[in-house]
Each structure stands twice: as structure tokens, then as C-alpha cells.
Protein backbone atom coordinates (compact mmCIF):
# COMPACT_ATOMS: atom_id res chain seq x y z
CA MET A 1 -11.52 -25.02 29.36
CA ILE A 2 -10.49 -21.66 30.98
CA SER A 3 -9.10 -19.21 28.35
CA PRO A 4 -5.35 -18.65 28.40
CA GLY A 5 -3.86 -15.55 30.09
CA SER A 6 -2.64 -12.62 28.03
CA PHE A 7 0.88 -12.86 26.78
CA ALA A 8 3.34 -12.04 23.90
CA VAL A 9 5.02 -14.71 21.97
CA SER A 10 8.44 -14.13 20.59
CA GLY A 11 9.31 -17.76 19.73
CA ARG A 12 7.68 -21.09 19.04
CA ALA A 13 5.43 -22.36 21.96
CA GLU A 14 6.49 -25.91 21.36
CA ASP A 15 10.23 -25.03 22.03
CA VAL A 16 9.54 -23.90 25.65
CA ILE A 17 11.66 -25.69 28.14
CA ARG A 18 12.10 -23.50 31.21
CA VAL A 19 9.44 -21.42 32.99
CA LEU A 20 10.37 -18.77 35.61
CA ALA A 21 7.40 -17.85 37.67
CA PHE A 22 6.57 -15.71 40.77
CA ASP A 23 3.51 -14.87 42.82
CA THR A 24 3.33 -11.60 44.94
CA SER A 25 -0.47 -11.59 45.51
CA ALA A 26 -0.24 -12.44 49.18
CA ASP A 27 1.90 -11.69 52.34
CA THR A 28 3.89 -14.77 51.45
CA GLY A 29 5.54 -14.44 48.04
CA SER A 30 7.18 -17.13 45.98
CA VAL A 31 9.43 -17.76 43.02
CA ALA A 32 9.80 -21.09 41.01
CA LEU A 33 11.63 -22.50 38.17
CA LEU A 34 9.90 -25.37 36.09
CA ASP A 35 11.85 -27.34 33.51
CA HIS A 36 9.10 -29.05 31.55
CA ASP A 37 7.19 -30.82 34.21
CA ARG A 38 10.10 -30.95 36.66
CA LEU A 39 10.28 -28.44 39.46
CA ARG A 40 13.94 -27.23 39.61
CA GLY A 41 13.39 -25.08 42.74
CA GLU A 42 10.85 -22.96 44.60
CA TYR A 43 11.45 -20.32 47.33
CA LEU A 44 8.95 -18.61 49.54
CA PHE A 45 9.54 -15.33 51.42
CA SER A 46 7.27 -13.63 53.92
CA GLY A 47 6.38 -9.89 54.39
CA ALA A 48 4.14 -8.16 51.74
CA GLN A 49 5.87 -4.86 52.42
CA ALA A 50 9.25 -6.37 51.35
CA HIS A 51 8.10 -7.82 48.02
CA SER A 52 9.64 -4.97 46.16
CA GLU A 53 12.85 -5.35 47.98
CA ARG A 54 13.10 -9.11 47.95
CA LEU A 55 11.60 -10.31 44.69
CA LEU A 56 14.63 -9.72 42.37
CA ALA A 57 17.08 -10.99 45.01
CA MET A 58 15.03 -14.30 45.41
CA LEU A 59 14.78 -14.57 41.62
CA ASP A 60 18.60 -14.19 41.38
CA ARG A 61 19.14 -16.75 44.08
CA LEU A 62 16.81 -19.25 42.49
CA LEU A 63 18.52 -19.03 39.03
CA ALA A 64 21.96 -19.17 40.74
CA ASP A 65 21.09 -22.30 42.73
CA SER A 66 19.55 -23.92 39.64
CA ALA A 67 22.61 -23.22 37.53
CA CYS A 68 20.57 -21.17 35.16
CA SER A 69 20.58 -17.62 33.80
CA LEU A 70 17.73 -15.45 32.52
CA ALA A 71 19.09 -16.21 29.05
CA ASP A 72 18.10 -19.93 29.68
CA ILE A 73 14.44 -19.11 30.43
CA ASP A 74 11.86 -19.47 27.71
CA LEU A 75 8.80 -18.13 29.39
CA ILE A 76 8.16 -15.79 32.39
CA ALA A 77 4.81 -16.25 34.24
CA VAL A 78 3.31 -14.15 36.94
CA SER A 79 0.25 -14.30 39.14
CA LEU A 80 -2.48 -11.65 38.17
CA GLY A 81 -4.59 -11.69 41.33
CA PRO A 82 -6.80 -10.97 43.08
CA GLY A 83 -4.84 -10.06 46.09
CA SER A 84 -2.64 -7.31 47.47
CA PHE A 85 -2.92 -4.30 45.08
CA THR A 86 0.69 -3.24 45.93
CA GLY A 87 2.03 -6.82 45.52
CA LEU A 88 0.32 -7.36 42.23
CA ARG A 89 1.75 -4.07 40.88
CA VAL A 90 5.20 -5.19 41.98
CA GLY A 91 4.91 -8.60 40.43
CA ILE A 92 3.55 -7.68 37.15
CA SER A 93 5.79 -4.66 36.58
CA THR A 94 8.76 -6.82 37.31
CA ALA A 95 7.55 -9.58 35.01
CA ARG A 96 7.11 -7.03 32.21
CA GLY A 97 10.53 -5.51 32.86
CA LEU A 98 12.30 -8.81 32.79
CA ALA A 99 10.50 -10.05 29.73
CA LEU A 100 11.22 -6.81 27.86
CA ALA A 101 14.84 -6.55 28.85
CA ALA A 102 15.66 -10.28 28.00
CA GLY A 103 13.32 -10.66 25.14
CA LYS A 104 11.39 -13.40 26.86
CA ASP A 105 7.74 -14.56 26.43
CA LEU A 106 5.34 -13.50 29.18
CA LEU A 107 2.13 -14.97 30.52
CA GLY A 108 -0.21 -14.11 33.36
CA VAL A 109 -2.18 -16.60 35.45
CA PRO A 110 -5.19 -15.58 37.63
CA THR A 111 -4.41 -16.31 41.33
CA LEU A 112 -7.70 -18.20 42.04
CA GLU A 113 -7.04 -20.54 39.21
CA ALA A 114 -3.55 -21.34 40.37
CA MET A 115 -4.87 -22.04 43.85
CA ALA A 116 -7.63 -24.33 42.39
CA PHE A 117 -4.88 -26.07 40.37
CA GLN A 118 -2.99 -26.71 43.63
CA ALA A 119 -5.91 -28.50 45.08
CA ARG A 120 -6.62 -30.75 42.07
CA GLY A 121 -6.92 -34.43 43.00
CA CYS A 122 -8.63 -33.76 46.42
CA TRP A 123 -12.13 -33.67 45.00
CA GLU A 124 -13.35 -32.90 41.48
CA GLN A 125 -14.95 -29.46 42.44
CA ILE A 126 -12.66 -26.85 43.91
CA CYS A 127 -13.48 -23.48 45.53
CA PRO A 128 -10.57 -21.20 46.21
CA MET A 129 -11.18 -18.32 48.70
CA ILE A 130 -8.99 -15.38 49.54
CA THR A 131 -9.88 -12.96 52.28
CA ALA A 132 -10.82 -9.54 51.11
CA ARG A 133 -12.20 -6.77 53.51
CA GLY A 134 -14.57 -7.46 56.33
CA PRO A 135 -16.44 -10.78 55.92
CA GLU A 136 -15.98 -10.74 52.01
CA VAL A 137 -13.88 -13.19 50.08
CA PHE A 138 -12.50 -13.31 46.49
CA THR A 139 -13.69 -16.68 45.14
CA GLY A 140 -14.57 -18.72 42.11
CA LEU A 141 -15.60 -22.33 41.45
CA TYR A 142 -13.67 -24.83 39.30
CA ARG A 143 -13.58 -28.43 38.23
CA CYS A 144 -10.59 -30.53 37.49
CA PRO A 145 -11.61 -34.06 36.34
CA ASP A 146 -8.99 -36.76 36.55
CA GLN A 147 -6.34 -36.14 33.82
CA GLY A 148 -8.49 -33.19 32.58
CA ASP A 149 -8.09 -29.46 32.14
CA LEU A 150 -9.03 -26.97 34.84
CA GLN A 151 -12.56 -25.77 34.05
CA GLN A 152 -14.40 -22.70 35.42
CA VAL A 153 -17.89 -23.44 36.86
CA ARG A 154 -18.58 -20.07 38.35
CA ALA A 155 -16.91 -16.85 37.51
CA GLU A 156 -14.51 -15.13 40.00
CA THR A 157 -16.13 -12.62 42.20
CA VAL A 158 -15.89 -10.75 45.52
CA THR A 159 -18.82 -11.57 47.87
CA ASP A 160 -20.07 -12.45 51.37
CA PRO A 161 -19.49 -16.14 51.97
CA GLU A 162 -23.11 -17.12 52.83
CA PRO A 163 -24.88 -16.22 49.50
CA TRP A 164 -21.98 -17.69 47.53
CA LEU A 165 -21.94 -21.00 49.53
CA SER A 166 -25.69 -21.34 49.11
CA GLY A 167 -25.23 -21.61 45.38
CA ILE A 168 -22.88 -24.53 45.67
CA SER A 169 -23.98 -28.14 45.51
CA GLY A 170 -22.00 -31.40 45.40
CA GLU A 171 -18.75 -32.38 47.13
CA THR A 172 -16.43 -29.36 47.17
CA VAL A 173 -12.89 -28.81 48.46
CA PHE A 174 -12.31 -25.28 49.83
CA VAL A 175 -8.71 -23.84 49.83
CA GLY A 176 -7.22 -20.53 50.85
CA SER A 177 -7.18 -17.86 53.64
CA GLY A 178 -10.89 -17.22 53.19
CA ALA A 179 -11.83 -20.83 53.36
CA VAL A 180 -9.89 -21.25 56.66
CA LEU A 181 -11.37 -17.99 58.06
CA HIS A 182 -15.00 -19.10 57.25
CA ARG A 183 -14.72 -22.79 57.80
CA GLY A 184 -17.56 -22.65 60.37
CA THR A 185 -19.99 -21.14 57.83
CA ILE A 186 -18.90 -23.64 55.21
CA ALA A 187 -19.42 -26.49 57.61
CA ALA A 188 -22.85 -25.23 58.63
CA LEU A 189 -24.11 -24.74 55.13
CA LEU A 190 -22.48 -27.73 53.37
CA GLY A 191 -21.88 -30.19 56.02
CA GLU A 192 -20.11 -33.34 54.93
CA LYS A 193 -20.11 -32.21 51.37
CA ALA A 194 -17.38 -29.72 52.08
CA ARG A 195 -13.67 -30.19 52.99
CA VAL A 196 -11.45 -27.26 53.99
CA LEU A 197 -7.71 -27.61 53.38
CA PRO A 198 -5.20 -26.41 56.01
CA ALA A 199 -3.87 -22.82 55.72
CA LEU A 200 -0.55 -23.90 54.36
CA ALA A 201 -2.11 -25.68 51.45
CA GLY A 202 -3.90 -22.42 50.44
CA LEU A 203 -0.82 -20.25 50.03
CA PRO A 204 -0.56 -19.09 46.38
CA ARG A 205 2.48 -20.89 44.92
CA ALA A 206 4.68 -19.88 42.06
CA SER A 207 5.03 -23.53 41.13
CA ALA A 208 1.30 -23.70 40.36
CA VAL A 209 1.53 -20.47 38.25
CA ALA A 210 4.43 -22.02 36.37
CA ALA A 211 2.62 -25.27 35.65
CA LEU A 212 -0.61 -23.60 34.40
CA ALA A 213 1.38 -21.10 32.38
CA LEU A 214 3.32 -23.95 30.68
CA CYS A 215 0.25 -25.82 29.73
CA ARG A 216 -1.49 -22.78 28.28
CA TYR A 217 1.54 -21.44 26.61
CA GLN A 218 2.08 -24.75 24.65
CA GLY A 219 -1.40 -24.80 23.20
CA ALA A 220 -2.48 -21.16 22.76
CA ALA A 221 -2.43 -18.46 20.27
CA ALA A 222 -0.69 -15.14 20.82
CA HIS A 223 -2.38 -12.30 22.60
CA ALA A 224 -1.25 -8.71 23.12
CA SER A 225 1.03 -8.40 26.15
CA ALA A 226 -0.53 -4.94 26.86
CA ALA A 227 -3.85 -6.68 27.80
CA MET A 228 -2.17 -8.35 30.76
CA ALA A 229 -3.45 -6.57 33.74
CA PRO A 230 -3.96 -7.20 37.45
CA ARG A 231 -7.24 -8.90 38.28
CA TYR A 232 -8.31 -6.83 41.27
CA ILE A 233 -12.04 -7.73 41.05
CA ARG A 234 -12.74 -4.81 43.26
CA PRO A 235 -10.91 -1.71 41.99
CA PRO A 236 -8.30 0.09 44.11
CA GLY A 237 -9.90 2.68 46.39
CA ALA A 238 -13.43 1.07 46.18
CA GLU A 239 -15.96 2.43 48.45
CA LEU A 240 -16.88 0.08 51.28
CA PRO A 241 -20.21 -0.15 53.14
CA GLY A 242 -20.59 2.53 55.74
CA GLY A 243 -18.73 5.07 53.71
CA GLN A 244 -15.27 3.61 54.40
CA ASN A 245 -12.65 3.71 51.60
CA GLY A 246 -10.83 0.59 50.71
CA GLY A 247 -7.53 2.47 50.14
CA ASN A 248 -4.92 1.20 47.63
CA SER A 249 -4.26 -2.23 49.23
CA GLN A 250 -6.12 -5.22 50.67
CA PRO A 251 -5.18 -6.90 53.88
CA GLY A 252 -2.55 -9.63 54.10
CA ILE A 253 -3.81 -12.91 52.60
CA GLY A 254 -1.24 -15.36 53.88
CA GLY A 255 -2.38 -18.32 56.06
CA VAL A 256 -5.23 -17.09 58.34
CA ALA A 257 -5.87 -18.94 61.55
CA GLY A 258 -9.32 -19.22 63.11
CA GLU A 259 -12.76 -19.60 61.94
CA SER A 260 -16.10 -17.87 61.66
CA GLY A 261 -19.45 -19.54 62.11
CA THR A 262 -21.64 -16.79 60.98
CA LYS A 263 -21.36 -13.21 59.81
CA SER A 264 -21.51 -10.56 62.51
């Protein structure tokens, strides 16, 4: 089973009732409130540049519409990435600030794991893909047997699609902006063994972050909250082929239309 995220525990895990979660790893952000296994509400908002302006407003609206206050929340959960460098910084700093101010427990969930969790039930093997720079994708490989825990088969990485796909065997469902962009390559290399989910199914969702966080929070030991850091995979400002610099952000990773048959 995949190891839990890093979090600080101020109370008893078995007492958790409500989880407030958000994801700012992509162009489309989201906030969600989970009451045990019941989704009380989830809101999506677009525009990566507006995450810092809209996140707190959407959290306030979600709590108000759900007749809850921050005092009623037991656990705050946030997506750790990979994704937009700026978006991840906004999300994680907001989560830490809220948890510290309200004395709430905090847990981070890797974005690729949350996306794999969203696709559970399609096929047993799941490959989330997020567009990175150029032809590259952030990806990992997971399994989620019926009624079982999410398990990591191959570690998350940033890579060109073709060498990654050549190492995959068996029926696999692909989800995320990278899978949509490279559906032609996936089909050419894996044929009928592959299924690519529509773009909307691959949007990182706060509800999946909340569900994974709740499962892991209830059964895990405490970790130092200082260890909770963005999972960039490629560091900010990484040098790209040809001497280009990656800058401090990655391209938008909302639903991407189109497909690519082979690398150019």
C-alpha cells in the first residue's frame, strides 16, 4: 500500500468526521467537503492565475453552503503535485496557514495518486498522466483491486511517453491531460489493452484528495508536518533540452483537447 502523506496529528484519528480538501495543481482548481464517506459539496473554479485570489473565497462559500465552519472541520487535505509550481505553492501555503490558525490536522496527497483513485473501477491498472513541458508527462502506474487499497506499481516520474509506455503490459486505463494529448501514441503502442478516459474525467478533484486523505488519516501514524512539501518531480527552473529554462511554472494542465500519434 502506498505510504501516507505527511501530516501533523493534534487529535485522535478515529474521531475524524469532516475533511476539507482542495486542489490547485492545475488550471482548474477545486474545493470539497467530505463528511465521513458522504460528499457534502465540491466546487470547481477555472484560471490558474486566479488561484491565489479565489481559493479562500471558494472555501468560505463551500463552508457556508454546507452550514459548516472551520471549527467543525477535523482534517485539512491538499494536493501535493506534480502540477503548476505557482498553484502548488498557493495550495500548500493556504493549507498550512488554515491548519495552524485553526489548530486542525493536515495531510498532503500526491496529485497522481488522487487521479488514479478517481479512475478506480474502470480497470485494475491505472496510469494517470499530466502534461509537463514539450512531449513529456508526469506519470506513475497504480493498481486498485476490487475493494482494495491503491497500490503503486511504478514510481512517479517525468518522461517522454514512448519509453514509459513500452514498459507497461496488461490492460490499463489512462487518465489525465497527458493521456488525452498522447492518446494516439498510447493506442499505437498498447492497442486494445489501453483505454483513455475523456478529458473531464482527468481533472484533479478535491473530492478524491479528501477521500484518500480520510482513509490514510484514520489508519496512519503521525509524521512531521514540516515534511509536507510540493512534489514537483522536476525542480522549479529546471534546464530543458536545447538550453531552455523551465522557469518557475509549468503549463496549464486542465483538460487538453487533441491527440498526438508520435513524438515530433
